[in-house]
Amino acid sequence: MLREYELTIIARADLPESDGSKLLSKYEKLMTADGGEILQKSNWGVKKLAFPMKKAFRGNYVNYDFVGTAANLTEMERLMRIDDDVLRYMSVFIGQNVDVSKRKEQLAKIALAAREAANEFRDRE
């Protein structure tokens, strides 16, 4: 049964871009295995961490909204726990029996509203 999850990964900021891409593609393959699908991917960029994690002071944040199986999420979490390039991760269960096309439309509307609000705020300054 496919479920919707939100996953945020904080990877090492000092990784070369090719290694960072390989790292993320490894987890994206697990997300899309067994009929899963990535609904939305947001790269939040490199940010200063509130406290050092694994001797790192900066992290590259990437957020996913995806549909997948619980077994695949469990395997991803297991791999992220032992991966030295992943500083932290957080997965959140969103819902079951998701209509993928409707959910993509909802996420697109939310993203559009956020962009419009940001532009409106920028125009007021």
PDB file of N, CA and C in Angstrom:
ATOM      1  N   MET A   1       0.856  -1.171   0.000  1.00  0.00           N
ATOM      2  CA  MET A   1       0.000   0.000   0.000  1.00  0.00           C
ATOM      3  C   MET A   1       0.906   1.239   0.000  1.00  0.00           C
ATOM      4  N   LEU A   2       0.583   2.181  -0.883  1.00  0.00           N
ATOM      5  CA  LEU A   2       1.361   3.413  -0.976  1.00  0.00           C
ATOM      6  C   LEU A   2       0.855   4.436   0.025  1.00  0.00           C
ATOM      7  N   ARG A   3       1.811   5.091   0.672  1.00  0.00           N
ATOM      8  CA  ARG A   3       1.509   6.131   1.649  1.00  0.00           C
ATOM      9  C   ARG A   3       2.281   7.380   1.279  1.00  0.00           C
ATOM     10  N   GLU A   4       1.798   8.515   1.755  1.00  0.00           N
ATOM     11  CA  GLU A   4       2.502   9.766   1.482  1.00  0.00           C
ATOM     12  C   GLU A   4       3.363  10.124   2.685  1.00  0.00           C
ATOM     13  N   TYR A   5       4.599  10.528   2.389  1.00  0.00           N
ATOM     14  CA  TYR A   5       5.550  10.923   3.422  1.00  0.00           C
ATOM     15  C   TYR A   5       6.203  12.242   3.027  1.00  0.00           C
ATOM     16  N   GLU A   6       6.689  12.939   4.035  1.00  0.00           N
ATOM     17  CA  GLU A   6       7.544  14.098   3.823  1.00  0.00           C
ATOM     18  C   GLU A   6       8.876  13.744   4.475  1.00  0.00           C
ATOM     19  N   LEU A   7       9.964  13.950   3.746  1.00  0.00           N
ATOM     20  CA  LEU A   7      11.292  13.595   4.236  1.00  0.00           C
ATOM     21  C   LEU A   7      12.222  14.784   4.048  1.00  0.00           C
ATOM     22  N   THR A   8      12.899  15.169   5.118  1.00  0.00           N
ATOM     23  CA  THR A   8      13.907  16.222   5.048  1.00  0.00           C
ATOM     24  C   THR A   8      15.245  15.600   5.405  1.00  0.00           C
ATOM     25  N   ILE A   9      16.222  15.840   4.538  1.00  0.00           N
ATOM     26  CA  ILE A   9      17.568  15.313   4.723  1.00  0.00           C
ATOM     27  C   ILE A   9      18.520  16.488   4.887  1.00  0.00           C
ATOM     28  N   ILE A  10      19.389  16.416   5.887  1.00  0.00           N
ATOM     29  CA  ILE A  10      20.469  17.385   6.042  1.00  0.00           C
ATOM     30  C   ILE A  10      21.758  16.643   5.737  1.00  0.00           C
ATOM     31  N   ALA A  11      22.358  16.982   4.596  1.00  0.00           N
ATOM     32  CA  ALA A  11      23.600  16.339   4.164  1.00  0.00           C
ATOM     33  C   ALA A  11      24.776  17.264   4.466  1.00  0.00           C
ATOM     34  N   ARG A  12      25.953  16.716   4.462  1.00  0.00           N
ATOM     35  CA  ARG A  12      27.158  17.522   4.679  1.00  0.00           C
ATOM     36  C   ARG A  12      27.252  18.606   3.608  1.00  0.00           C
ATOM     37  N   ALA A  13      27.559  19.813   4.021  1.00  0.00           N
ATOM     38  CA  ALA A  13      27.666  20.920   3.075  1.00  0.00           C
ATOM     39  C   ALA A  13      28.987  20.883   2.313  1.00  0.00           C
ATOM     40  N   ASP A  14      30.009  20.218   2.868  1.00  0.00           N
ATOM     41  CA  ASP A  14      31.316  20.199   2.228  1.00  0.00           C
ATOM     42  C   ASP A  14      31.482  19.075   1.205  1.00  0.00           C
ATOM     43  N   LEU A  15      30.403  18.371   0.893  1.00  0.00           N
ATOM     44  CA  LEU A  15      30.465  17.328  -0.137  1.00  0.00           C
ATOM     45  C   LEU A  15      30.614  17.962  -1.514  1.00  0.00           C
ATOM     46  N   PRO A  16      31.457  17.387  -2.376  1.00  0.00           N
ATOM     47  CA  PRO A  16      31.473  17.856  -3.768  1.00  0.00           C
ATOM     48  C   PRO A  16      30.102  17.636  -4.401  1.00  0.00           C
ATOM     49  N   GLU A  17      29.765  18.462  -5.371  1.00  0.00           N
ATOM     50  CA  GLU A  17      28.419  18.391  -5.962  1.00  0.00           C
ATOM     51  C   GLU A  17      28.114  17.017  -6.547  1.00  0.00           C
ATOM     52  N   SER A  18      29.108  16.373  -7.152  1.00  0.00           N
ATOM     53  CA  SER A  18      28.870  15.047  -7.740  1.00  0.00           C
ATOM     54  C   SER A  18      28.542  14.023  -6.649  1.00  0.00           C
ATOM     55  N   ASP A  19      29.246  14.096  -5.512  1.00  0.00           N
ATOM     56  CA  ASP A  19      28.952  13.170  -4.415  1.00  0.00           C
ATOM     57  C   ASP A  19      27.595  13.455  -3.786  1.00  0.00           C
ATOM     58  N   GLY A  20      27.234  14.735  -3.681  1.00  0.00           N
ATOM     59  CA  GLY A  20      25.922  15.096  -3.153  1.00  0.00           C
ATOM     60  C   GLY A  20      24.808  14.584  -4.044  1.00  0.00           C
ATOM     61  N   SER A  21      24.999  14.693  -5.356  1.00  0.00           N
ATOM     62  CA  SER A  21      23.995  14.180  -6.302  1.00  0.00           C
ATOM     63  C   SER A  21      23.859  12.670  -6.199  1.00  0.00           C
ATOM     64  N   LYS A  22      24.991  11.972  -6.066  1.00  0.00           N
ATOM     65  CA  LYS A  22      24.953  10.515  -5.924  1.00  0.00           C
ATOM     66  C   LYS A  22      24.224  10.118  -4.643  1.00  0.00           C
ATOM     67  N   LEU A  23      24.509  10.848  -3.574  1.00  0.00           N
ATOM     68  CA  LEU A  23      23.869  10.576  -2.290  1.00  0.00           C
ATOM     69  C   LEU A  23      22.353  10.698  -2.399  1.00  0.00           C
ATOM     70  N   LEU A  24      21.888  11.810  -2.983  1.00  0.00           N
ATOM     71  CA  LEU A  24      20.450  12.026  -3.095  1.00  0.00           C
ATOM     72  C   LEU A  24      19.802  11.049  -4.070  1.00  0.00           C
ATOM     73  N   SER A  25      20.486  10.737  -5.174  1.00  0.00           N
ATOM     74  CA  SER A  25      19.895   9.813  -6.150  1.00  0.00           C
ATOM     75  C   SER A  25      19.743   8.411  -5.559  1.00  0.00           C
ATOM     76  N   LYS A  26      20.635   8.035  -4.632  1.00  0.00           N
ATOM     77  CA  LYS A  26      20.517   6.730  -3.971  1.00  0.00           C
ATOM     78  C   LYS A  26      19.196   6.642  -3.211  1.00  0.00           C
ATOM     79  N   TYR A  27      18.859   7.707  -2.490  1.00  0.00           N
ATOM     80  CA  TYR A  27      17.612   7.698  -1.716  1.00  0.00           C
ATOM     81  C   TYR A  27      16.392   7.923  -2.612  1.00  0.00           C
ATOM     82  N   GLU A  28      16.560   8.674  -3.697  1.00  0.00           N
ATOM     83  CA  GLU A  28      15.442   8.865  -4.636  1.00  0.00           C
ATOM     84  C   GLU A  28      15.068   7.553  -5.312  1.00  0.00           C
ATOM     85  N   LYS A  29      16.052   6.700  -5.584  1.00  0.00           N
ATOM     86  CA  LYS A  29      15.757   5.388  -6.174  1.00  0.00           C
ATOM     87  C   LYS A  29      14.909   4.551  -5.217  1.00  0.00           C
ATOM     88  N   LEU A  30      15.220   4.632  -3.924  1.00  0.00           N
ATOM     89  CA  LEU A  30      14.415   3.888  -2.949  1.00  0.00           C
ATOM     90  C   LEU A  30      13.004   4.467  -2.842  1.00  0.00           C
ATOM     91  N   MET A  31      12.876   5.788  -2.970  1.00  0.00           N
ATOM     92  CA  MET A  31      11.551   6.411  -2.902  1.00  0.00           C
ATOM     93  C   MET A  31      10.673   5.951  -4.061  1.00  0.00           C
ATOM     94  N   THR A  32      11.268   5.818  -5.235  1.00  0.00           N
ATOM     95  CA  THR A  32      10.483   5.473  -6.432  1.00  0.00           C
ATOM     96  C   THR A  32      10.378   3.973  -6.671  1.00  0.00           C
ATOM     97  N   ALA A  33      11.033   3.157  -5.851  1.00  0.00           N
ATOM     98  CA  ALA A  33      10.933   1.698  -6.001  1.00  0.00           C
ATOM     99  C   ALA A  33       9.524   1.230  -5.637  1.00  0.00           C
ATOM    100  N   ASP A  34       9.116   0.125  -6.198  1.00  0.00           N
ATOM    101  CA  ASP A  34       7.822  -0.506  -5.907  1.00  0.00           C
ATOM    102  C   ASP A  34       6.638   0.420  -6.189  1.00  0.00           C
ATOM    103  N   GLY A  35       6.719   1.231  -7.244  1.00  0.00           N
ATOM    104  CA  GLY A  35       5.595   2.076  -7.642  1.00  0.00           C
ATOM    105  C   GLY A  35       5.537   3.413  -6.938  1.00  0.00           C
ATOM    106  N   GLY A  36       6.541   3.745  -6.156  1.00  0.00           N
ATOM    107  CA  GLY A  36       6.563   5.041  -5.478  1.00  0.00           C
ATOM    108  C   GLY A  36       6.814   6.176  -6.458  1.00  0.00           C
ATOM    109  N   GLU A  37       6.553   7.388  -5.992  1.00  0.00           N
ATOM    110  CA  GLU A  37       6.710   8.557  -6.863  1.00  0.00           C
ATOM    111  C   GLU A  37       7.059   9.781  -6.015  1.00  0.00           C
ATOM    112  N   ILE A  38       7.987  10.580  -6.524  1.00  0.00           N
ATOM    113  CA  ILE A  38       8.345  11.821  -5.854  1.00  0.00           C
ATOM    114  C   ILE A  38       7.365  12.892  -6.322  1.00  0.00           C
ATOM    115  N   LEU A  39       6.615  13.457  -5.384  1.00  0.00           N
ATOM    116  CA  LEU A  39       5.624  14.474  -5.716  1.00  0.00           C
ATOM    117  C   LEU A  39       6.271  15.845  -5.819  1.00  0.00           C
ATOM    118  N   GLN A  40       7.208  16.122  -4.929  1.00  0.00           N
ATOM    119  CA  GLN A  40       7.844  17.434  -4.920  1.00  0.00           C
ATOM    120  C   GLN A  40       9.211  17.318  -4.269  1.00  0.00           C
ATOM    121  N   LYS A  41      10.194  17.993  -4.859  1.00  0.00           N
ATOM    122  CA  LYS A  41      11.542  18.047  -4.293  1.00  0.00           C
ATOM    123  C   LYS A  41      11.924  19.513  -4.154  1.00  0.00           C
ATOM    124  N   SER A  42      12.357  19.899  -2.965  1.00  0.00           N
ATOM    125  CA  SER A  42      12.772  21.278  -2.719  1.00  0.00           C
ATOM    126  C   SER A  42      14.178  21.267  -2.141  1.00  0.00           C
ATOM    127  N   ASN A  43      15.085  21.918  -2.834  1.00  0.00           N
ATOM    128  CA  ASN A  43      16.441  22.051  -2.325  1.00  0.00           C
ATOM    129  C   ASN A  43      16.519  23.390  -1.608  1.00  0.00           C
ATOM    130  N   TRP A  44      16.629  23.356  -0.297  1.00  0.00           N
ATOM    131  CA  TRP A  44      16.639  24.568   0.515  1.00  0.00           C
ATOM    132  C   TRP A  44      18.017  25.188   0.603  1.00  0.00           C
ATOM    133  N   GLY A  45      19.029  24.486   0.134  1.00  0.00           N
ATOM    134  CA  GLY A  45      20.381  25.024   0.096  1.00  0.00           C
ATOM    135  C   GLY A  45      21.158  24.790   1.383  1.00  0.00           C
ATOM    136  N   VAL A  46      22.337  25.403   1.423  1.00  0.00           N
ATOM    137  CA  VAL A  46      23.238  25.254   2.558  1.00  0.00           C
ATOM    138  C   VAL A  46      22.879  26.289   3.614  1.00  0.00           C
ATOM    139  N   LYS A  47      22.749  25.824   4.846  1.00  0.00           N
ATOM    140  CA  LYS A  47      22.387  26.703   5.957  1.00  0.00           C
ATOM    141  C   LYS A  47      23.284  26.387   7.160  1.00  0.00           C
ATOM    142  N   LYS A  48      23.455  27.399   8.007  1.00  0.00           N
ATOM    143  CA  LYS A  48      24.204  27.205   9.236  1.00  0.00           C
ATOM    144  C   LYS A  48      23.355  26.384  10.203  1.00  0.00           C
ATOM    145  N   LEU A  49      23.981  25.420  10.851  1.00  0.00           N
ATOM    146  CA  LEU A  49      23.273  24.567  11.798  1.00  0.00           C
ATOM    147  C   LEU A  49      23.191  25.251  13.160  1.00  0.00           C
ATOM    148  N   ALA A  50      22.175  24.968  13.918  1.00  0.00           N
ATOM    149  CA  ALA A  50      22.000  25.552  15.238  1.00  0.00           C
ATOM    150  C   ALA A  50      23.069  25.037  16.211  1.00  0.00           C
ATOM    151  N   PHE A  51      23.538  23.828  15.979  1.00  0.00           N
ATOM    152  CA  PHE A  51      24.599  23.245  16.798  1.00  0.00           C
ATOM    153  C   PHE A  51      25.359  22.262  15.908  1.00  0.00           C
ATOM    154  N   PRO A  52      26.620  21.995  16.232  1.00  0.00           N
ATOM    155  CA  PRO A  52      27.402  21.087  15.380  1.00  0.00           C
ATOM    156  C   PRO A  52      26.824  19.674  15.378  1.00  0.00           C
ATOM    157  N   MET A  53      26.808  19.072  14.192  1.00  0.00           N
ATOM    158  CA  MET A  53      26.372  17.687  14.035  1.00  0.00           C
ATOM    159  C   MET A  53      27.486  16.940  13.320  1.00  0.00           C
ATOM    160  N   LYS A  54      27.985  15.885  13.921  1.00  0.00           N
ATOM    161  CA  LYS A  54      29.080  15.103  13.340  1.00  0.00           C
ATOM    162  C   LYS A  54      30.232  16.016  12.926  1.00  0.00           C
ATOM    163  N   LYS A  55      30.559  16.977  13.771  1.00  0.00           N
ATOM    164  CA  LYS A  55      31.639  17.947  13.588  1.00  0.00           C
ATOM    165  C   LYS A  55      31.418  18.883  12.394  1.00  0.00           C
ATOM    166  N   ALA A  56      30.200  19.032  11.943  1.00  0.00           N
ATOM    167  CA  ALA A  56      29.870  19.939  10.837  1.00  0.00           C
ATOM    168  C   ALA A  56      29.075  21.126  11.385  1.00  0.00           C
ATOM    169  N   PHE A  57      29.319  22.300  10.829  1.00  0.00           N
ATOM    170  CA  PHE A  57      28.637  23.509  11.269  1.00  0.00           C
ATOM    171  C   PHE A  57      27.630  24.017  10.239  1.00  0.00           C
ATOM    172  N   ARG A  58      27.665  23.448   9.016  1.00  0.00           N
ATOM    173  CA  ARG A  58      26.740  23.824   7.954  1.00  0.00           C
ATOM    174  C   ARG A  58      26.178  22.546   7.330  1.00  0.00           C
ATOM    175  N   GLY A  59      24.948  22.639   6.829  1.00  0.00           N
ATOM    176  CA  GLY A  59      24.315  21.479   6.212  1.00  0.00           C
ATOM    177  C   GLY A  59      23.534  21.861   4.983  1.00  0.00           C
ATOM    178  N   ASN A  60      23.431  20.942   4.041  1.00  0.00           N
ATOM    179  CA  ASN A  60      22.648  21.128   2.820  1.00  0.00           C
ATOM    180  C   ASN A  60      21.285  20.469   3.033  1.00  0.00           C
ATOM    181  N   TYR A  61      20.240  21.283   3.050  1.00  0.00           N
ATOM    182  CA  TYR A  61      18.887  20.807   3.331  1.00  0.00           C
ATOM    183  C   TYR A  61      18.152  20.477   2.027  1.00  0.00           C
ATOM    184  N   VAL A  62      17.540  19.286   1.983  1.00  0.00           N
ATOM    185  CA  VAL A  62      16.716  18.871   0.847  1.00  0.00           C
ATOM    186  C   VAL A  62      15.431  18.276   1.407  1.00  0.00           C
ATOM    187  N   ASN A  63      14.287  18.703   0.867  1.00  0.00           N
ATOM    188  CA  ASN A  63      12.985  18.253   1.344  1.00  0.00           C
ATOM    189  C   ASN A  63      12.256  17.531   0.222  1.00  0.00           C
ATOM    190  N   TYR A  64      11.680  16.385   0.541  1.00  0.00           N
ATOM    191  CA  TYR A  64      10.916  15.594  -0.421  1.00  0.00           C
ATOM    192  C   TYR A  64       9.497  15.402   0.094  1.00  0.00           C
ATOM    193  N   ASP A  65       8.545  15.424  -0.829  1.00  0.00           N
ATOM    194  CA  ASP A  65       7.187  14.971  -0.573  1.00  0.00           C
ATOM    195  C   ASP A  65       7.000  13.817  -1.549  1.00  0.00           C
ATOM    196  N   PHE A  66       6.826  12.599  -1.032  1.00  0.00           N
ATOM    197  CA  PHE A  66       6.777  11.453  -1.932  1.00  0.00           C
ATOM    198  C   PHE A  66       5.745  10.435  -1.481  1.00  0.00           C
ATOM    199  N   VAL A  67       5.396   9.569  -2.413  1.00  0.00           N
ATOM    200  CA  VAL A  67       4.486   8.454  -2.164  1.00  0.00           C
ATOM    201  C   VAL A  67       5.314   7.185  -2.294  1.00  0.00           C
ATOM    202  N   GLY A  68       5.250   6.328  -1.277  1.00  0.00           N
ATOM    203  CA  GLY A  68       6.027   5.096  -1.310  1.00  0.00           C
ATOM    204  C   GLY A  68       5.509   4.093  -0.297  1.00  0.00           C
ATOM    205  N   THR A  69       6.239   3.004  -0.179  1.00  0.00           N
ATOM    206  CA  THR A  69       5.845   1.958   0.761  1.00  0.00           C
ATOM    207  C   THR A  69       6.562   2.161   2.095  1.00  0.00           C
ATOM    208  N   ALA A  70       5.971   1.639   3.141  1.00  0.00           N
ATOM    209  CA  ALA A  70       6.564   1.738   4.476  1.00  0.00           C
ATOM    210  C   ALA A  70       7.884   0.976   4.537  1.00  0.00           C
ATOM    211  N   ALA A  71       7.975  -0.138   3.818  1.00  0.00           N
ATOM    212  CA  ALA A  71       9.210  -0.930   3.816  1.00  0.00           C
ATOM    213  C   ALA A  71      10.365  -0.142   3.206  1.00  0.00           C
ATOM    214  N   ASN A  72      10.087   0.578   2.132  1.00  0.00           N
ATOM    215  CA  ASN A  72      11.141   1.380   1.502  1.00  0.00           C
ATOM    216  C   ASN A  72      11.581   2.521   2.410  1.00  0.00           C
ATOM    217  N   LEU A  73      10.648   3.146   3.115  1.00  0.00           N
ATOM    218  CA  LEU A  73      11.005   4.212   4.051  1.00  0.00           C
ATOM    219  C   LEU A  73      11.858   3.655   5.186  1.00  0.00           C
ATOM    220  N   THR A  74      11.504   2.487   5.687  1.00  0.00           N
ATOM    221  CA  THR A  74      12.280   1.858   6.751  1.00  0.00           C
ATOM    222  C   THR A  74      13.708   1.584   6.287  1.00  0.00           C
ATOM    223  N   GLU A  75      13.855   1.108   5.068  1.00  0.00           N
ATOM    224  CA  GLU A  75      15.186   0.841   4.515  1.00  0.00           C
ATOM    225  C   GLU A  75      15.971   2.142   4.323  1.00  0.00           C
ATOM    226  N   MET A  76      15.317   3.199   3.848  1.00  0.00           N
ATOM    227  CA  MET A  76      15.990   4.498   3.702  1.00  0.00           C
ATOM    228  C   MET A  76      16.476   5.003   5.048  1.00  0.00           C
ATOM    229  N   GLU A  77      15.642   4.925   6.065  1.00  0.00           N
ATOM    230  CA  GLU A  77      16.018   5.388   7.397  1.00  0.00           C
ATOM    231  C   GLU A  77      17.192   4.582   7.945  1.00  0.00           C
ATOM    232  N   ARG A  78      17.203   3.289   7.696  1.00  0.00           N
ATOM    233  CA  ARG A  78      18.316   2.442   8.138  1.00  0.00           C
ATOM    234  C   ARG A  78      19.610   2.883   7.475  1.00  0.00           C
ATOM    235  N   LEU A  79      19.556   3.128   6.164  1.00  0.00           N
ATOM    236  CA  LEU A  79      20.748   3.548   5.432  1.00  0.00           C
ATOM    237  C   LEU A  79      21.217   4.943   5.850  1.00  0.00           C
ATOM    238  N   MET A  80      20.275   5.845   6.113  1.00  0.00           N
ATOM    239  CA  MET A  80      20.658   7.201   6.511  1.00  0.00           C
ATOM    240  C   MET A  80      21.303   7.219   7.898  1.00  0.00           C
ATOM    241  N   ARG A  81      20.872   6.323   8.791  1.00  0.00           N
ATOM    242  CA  ARG A  81      21.462   6.259  10.132  1.00  0.00           C
ATOM    243  C   ARG A  81      22.946   5.912  10.078  1.00  0.00           C
ATOM    244  N   ILE A  82      23.354   5.069   9.115  1.00  0.00           N
ATOM    245  CA  ILE A  82      24.745   4.630   9.052  1.00  0.00           C
ATOM    246  C   ILE A  82      25.570   5.408   8.023  1.00  0.00           C
ATOM    247  N   ASP A  83      24.942   6.322   7.294  1.00  0.00           N
ATOM    248  CA  ASP A  83      25.630   7.110   6.266  1.00  0.00           C
ATOM    249  C   ASP A  83      26.306   8.325   6.914  1.00  0.00           C
ATOM    250  N   ASP A  84      27.620   8.419   6.792  1.00  0.00           N
ATOM    251  CA  ASP A  84      28.357   9.533   7.396  1.00  0.00           C
ATOM    252  C   ASP A  84      28.079  10.865   6.712  1.00  0.00           C
ATOM    253  N   ASP A  85      27.596  10.839   5.476  1.00  0.00           N
ATOM    254  CA  ASP A  85      27.325  12.076   4.737  1.00  0.00           C
ATOM    255  C   ASP A  85      25.961  12.673   5.072  1.00  0.00           C
ATOM    256  N   VAL A  86      25.110  11.924   5.751  1.00  0.00           N
ATOM    257  CA  VAL A  86      23.802  12.425   6.195  1.00  0.00           C
ATOM    258  C   VAL A  86      23.939  12.833   7.661  1.00  0.00           C
ATOM    259  N   LEU A  87      23.784  14.129   7.914  1.00  0.00           N
ATOM    260  CA  LEU A  87      23.908  14.618   9.281  1.00  0.00           C
ATOM    261  C   LEU A  87      22.657  14.292  10.098  1.00  0.00           C
ATOM    262  N   ARG A  88      21.487  14.585   9.535  1.00  0.00           N
ATOM    263  CA  ARG A  88      20.198  14.304  10.172  1.00  0.00           C
ATOM    264  C   ARG A  88      19.159  14.061   9.090  1.00  0.00           C
ATOM    265  N   TYR A  89      18.061  13.450   9.493  1.00  0.00           N
ATOM    266  CA  TYR A  89      16.903  13.292   8.616  1.00  0.00           C
ATOM    267  C   TYR A  89      15.660  13.290   9.478  1.00  0.00           C
ATOM    268  N   MET A  90      14.549  13.615   8.860  1.00  0.00           N
ATOM    269  CA  MET A  90      13.272  13.540   9.560  1.00  0.00           C
ATOM    270  C   MET A  90      12.213  13.118   8.554  1.00  0.00           C
ATOM    271  N   SER A  91      11.493  12.063   8.855  1.00  0.00           N
ATOM    272  CA  SER A  91      10.410  11.610   7.991  1.00  0.00           C
ATOM    273  C   SER A  91       9.095  11.750   8.741  1.00  0.00           C
ATOM    274  N   VAL A  92       8.074  12.193   8.006  1.00  0.00           N
ATOM    275  CA  VAL A  92       6.756  12.412   8.593  1.00  0.00           C
ATOM    276  C   VAL A  92       5.721  11.719   7.714  1.00  0.00           C
ATOM    277  N   PHE A  93       4.871  10.920   8.341  1.00  0.00           N
ATOM    278  CA  PHE A  93       3.756  10.263   7.639  1.00  0.00           C
ATOM    279  C   PHE A  93       2.661  11.291   7.405  1.00  0.00           C
ATOM    280  N   ILE A  94       2.209  11.426   6.149  1.00  0.00           N
ATOM    281  CA  ILE A  94       1.183  12.404   5.795  1.00  0.00           C
ATOM    282  C   ILE A  94      -0.193  11.741   5.658  1.00  0.00           C
ATOM    283  N   GLY A  95      -0.279  10.631   4.918  1.00  0.00           N
ATOM    284  CA  GLY A  95      -1.568   9.984   4.749  1.00  0.00           C
ATOM    285  C   GLY A  95      -1.488   8.703   3.931  1.00  0.00           C
ATOM    286  N   GLN A  96      -2.603   7.971   3.915  1.00  0.00           N
ATOM    287  CA  GLN A  96      -2.708   6.724   3.158  1.00  0.00           C
ATOM    288  C   GLN A  96      -3.619   6.920   1.957  1.00  0.00           C
ATOM    289  N   ASN A  97      -3.579   5.955   1.041  1.00  0.00           N
ATOM    290  CA  ASN A  97      -4.456   5.931  -0.136  1.00  0.00           C
ATOM    291  C   ASN A  97      -4.499   7.292  -0.824  1.00  0.00           C
ATOM    292  N   VAL A  98      -3.353   7.761  -1.242  1.00  0.00           N
ATOM    293  CA  VAL A  98      -3.208   9.087  -1.818  1.00  0.00           C
ATOM    294  C   VAL A  98      -3.498   9.049  -3.309  1.00  0.00           C
ATOM    295  N   ASP A  99      -4.305  10.003  -3.781  1.00  0.00           N
ATOM    296  CA  ASP A  99      -4.510  10.195  -5.210  1.00  0.00           C
ATOM    297  C   ASP A  99      -3.371  11.091  -5.689  1.00  0.00           C
ATOM    298  N   VAL A 100      -2.423  10.504  -6.406  1.00  0.00           N
ATOM    299  CA  VAL A 100      -1.176  11.184  -6.752  1.00  0.00           C
ATOM    300  C   VAL A 100      -1.421  12.431  -7.599  1.00  0.00           C
ATOM    301  N   SER A 101      -2.292  12.350  -8.590  1.00  0.00           N
ATOM    302  CA  SER A 101      -2.520  13.505  -9.465  1.00  0.00           C
ATOM    303  C   SER A 101      -3.148  14.673  -8.701  1.00  0.00           C
ATOM    304  N   LYS A 102      -4.121  14.387  -7.847  1.00  0.00           N
ATOM    305  CA  LYS A 102      -4.745  15.454  -7.053  1.00  0.00           C
ATOM    306  C   LYS A 102      -3.746  16.067  -6.074  1.00  0.00           C
ATOM    307  N   ARG A 103      -2.917  15.223  -5.482  1.00  0.00           N
ATOM    308  CA  ARG A 103      -1.938  15.728  -4.512  1.00  0.00           C
ATOM    309  C   ARG A 103      -0.893  16.600  -5.198  1.00  0.00           C
ATOM    310  N   LYS A 104      -0.485  16.237  -6.415  1.00  0.00           N
ATOM    311  CA  LYS A 104       0.461  17.070  -7.169  1.00  0.00           C
ATOM    312  C   LYS A 104      -0.147  18.441  -7.454  1.00  0.00           C
ATOM    313  N   GLU A 105      -1.420  18.461  -7.806  1.00  0.00           N
ATOM    314  CA  GLU A 105      -2.113  19.734  -8.058  1.00  0.00           C
ATOM    315  C   GLU A 105      -2.148  20.583  -6.791  1.00  0.00           C
ATOM    316  N   GLN A 106      -2.468  19.958  -5.652  1.00  0.00           N
ATOM    317  CA  GLN A 106      -2.507  20.685  -4.381  1.00  0.00           C
ATOM    318  C   GLN A 106      -1.144  21.285  -4.050  1.00  0.00           C
ATOM    319  N   LEU A 107      -0.085  20.492  -4.215  1.00  0.00           N
ATOM    320  CA  LEU A 107       1.256  20.984  -3.906  1.00  0.00           C
ATOM    321  C   LEU A 107       1.669  22.110  -4.848  1.00  0.00           C
ATOM    322  N   ALA A 108       1.254  22.027  -6.121  1.00  0.00           N
ATOM    323  CA  ALA A 108       1.559  23.098  -7.069  1.00  0.00           C
ATOM    324  C   ALA A 108       0.840  24.388  -6.681  1.00  0.00           C
ATOM    325  N   LYS A 109      -0.422  24.282  -6.248  1.00  0.00           N
ATOM    326  CA  LYS A 109      -1.170  25.463  -5.811  1.00  0.00           C
ATOM    327  C   LYS A 109      -0.534  26.093  -4.569  1.00  0.00           C
ATOM    328  N   ILE A 110      -0.099  25.268  -3.644  1.00  0.00           N
ATOM    329  CA  ILE A 110       0.543  25.768  -2.433  1.00  0.00           C
ATOM    330  C   ILE A 110       1.848  26.489  -2.781  1.00  0.00           C
ATOM    331  N   ALA A 111       2.636  25.907  -3.673  1.00  0.00           N
ATOM    332  CA  ALA A 111       3.899  26.527  -4.074  1.00  0.00           C
ATOM    333  C   ALA A 111       3.652  27.853  -4.789  1.00  0.00           C
ATOM    334  N   LEU A 112       2.623  27.902  -5.643  1.00  0.00           N
ATOM    335  CA  LEU A 112       2.287  29.137  -6.351  1.00  0.00           C
ATOM    336  C   LEU A 112       1.849  30.223  -5.373  1.00  0.00           C
ATOM    337  N   ALA A 113       1.027  29.864  -4.408  1.00  0.00           N
ATOM    338  CA  ALA A 113       0.575  30.836  -3.401  1.00  0.00           C
ATOM    339  C   ALA A 113       1.747  31.358  -2.577  1.00  0.00           C
ATOM    340  N   ALA A 114       2.698  30.493  -2.254  1.00  0.00           N
ATOM    341  CA  ALA A 114       3.877  30.917  -1.486  1.00  0.00           C
ATOM    342  C   ALA A 114       4.733  31.877  -2.304  1.00  0.00           C
ATOM    343  N   ARG A 115       4.916  31.580  -3.594  1.00  0.00           N
ATOM    344  CA  ARG A 115       5.690  32.488  -4.459  1.00  0.00           C
ATOM    345  C   ARG A 115       5.011  33.840  -4.586  1.00  0.00           C
ATOM    346  N   GLU A 116       3.692  33.835  -4.754  1.00  0.00           N
ATOM    347  CA  GLU A 116       2.957  35.101  -4.875  1.00  0.00           C
ATOM    348  C   GLU A 116       3.057  35.912  -3.587  1.00  0.00           C
ATOM    349  N   ALA A 117       2.960  35.252  -2.444  1.00  0.00           N
ATOM    350  CA  ALA A 117       3.075  35.950  -1.165  1.00  0.00           C
ATOM    351  C   ALA A 117       4.471  36.526  -0.992  1.00  0.00           C
ATOM    352  N   ALA A 118       5.480  35.783  -1.402  1.00  0.00           N
ATOM    353  CA  ALA A 118       6.859  36.286  -1.307  1.00  0.00           C
ATOM    354  C   ALA A 118       7.055  37.490  -2.219  1.00  0.00           C
ATOM    355  N   ASN A 119       6.508  37.442  -3.427  1.00  0.00           N
ATOM    356  CA  ASN A 119       6.622  38.569  -4.356  1.00  0.00           C
ATOM    357  C   ASN A 119       5.893  39.789  -3.831  1.00  0.00           C
ATOM    358  N   GLU A 120       4.719  39.574  -3.246  1.00  0.00           N
ATOM    359  CA  GLU A 120       3.951  40.677  -2.689  1.00  0.00           C
ATOM    360  C   GLU A 120       4.721  41.317  -1.521  1.00  0.00           C
ATOM    361  N   PHE A 121       5.320  40.495  -0.696  1.00  0.00           N
ATOM    362  CA  PHE A 121       6.100  41.009   0.438  1.00  0.00           C
ATOM    363  C   PHE A 121       7.305  41.800  -0.075  1.00  0.00           C
ATOM    364  N   ARG A 122       7.965  41.282  -1.123  1.00  0.00           N
ATOM    365  CA  ARG A 122       9.118  41.957  -1.701  1.00  0.00           C
ATOM    366  C   ARG A 122       8.724  43.302  -2.307  1.00  0.00           C
ATOM    367  N   ASP A 123       7.537  43.362  -2.913  1.00  0.00           N
ATOM    368  CA  ASP A 123       7.067  44.607  -3.536  1.00  0.00           C
ATOM    369  C   ASP A 123       6.759  45.678  -2.497  1.00  0.00           C
ATOM    370  N   ARG A 124       6.358  45.271  -1.302  1.00  0.00           N
ATOM    371  CA  ARG A 124       6.027  46.246  -0.238  1.00  0.00           C
ATOM    372  C   ARG A 124       7.272  46.912   0.334  1.00  0.00           C
ATOM    373  N   GLU A 125       8.413  46.256   0.212  1.00  0.00           N
ATOM    374  CA  GLU A 125       9.632  46.811   0.805  1.00  0.00           C
ATOM    375  C   GLU A 125      10.161  47.941   0.035  1.00  0.00           C
TER     376      GLU A 125
END
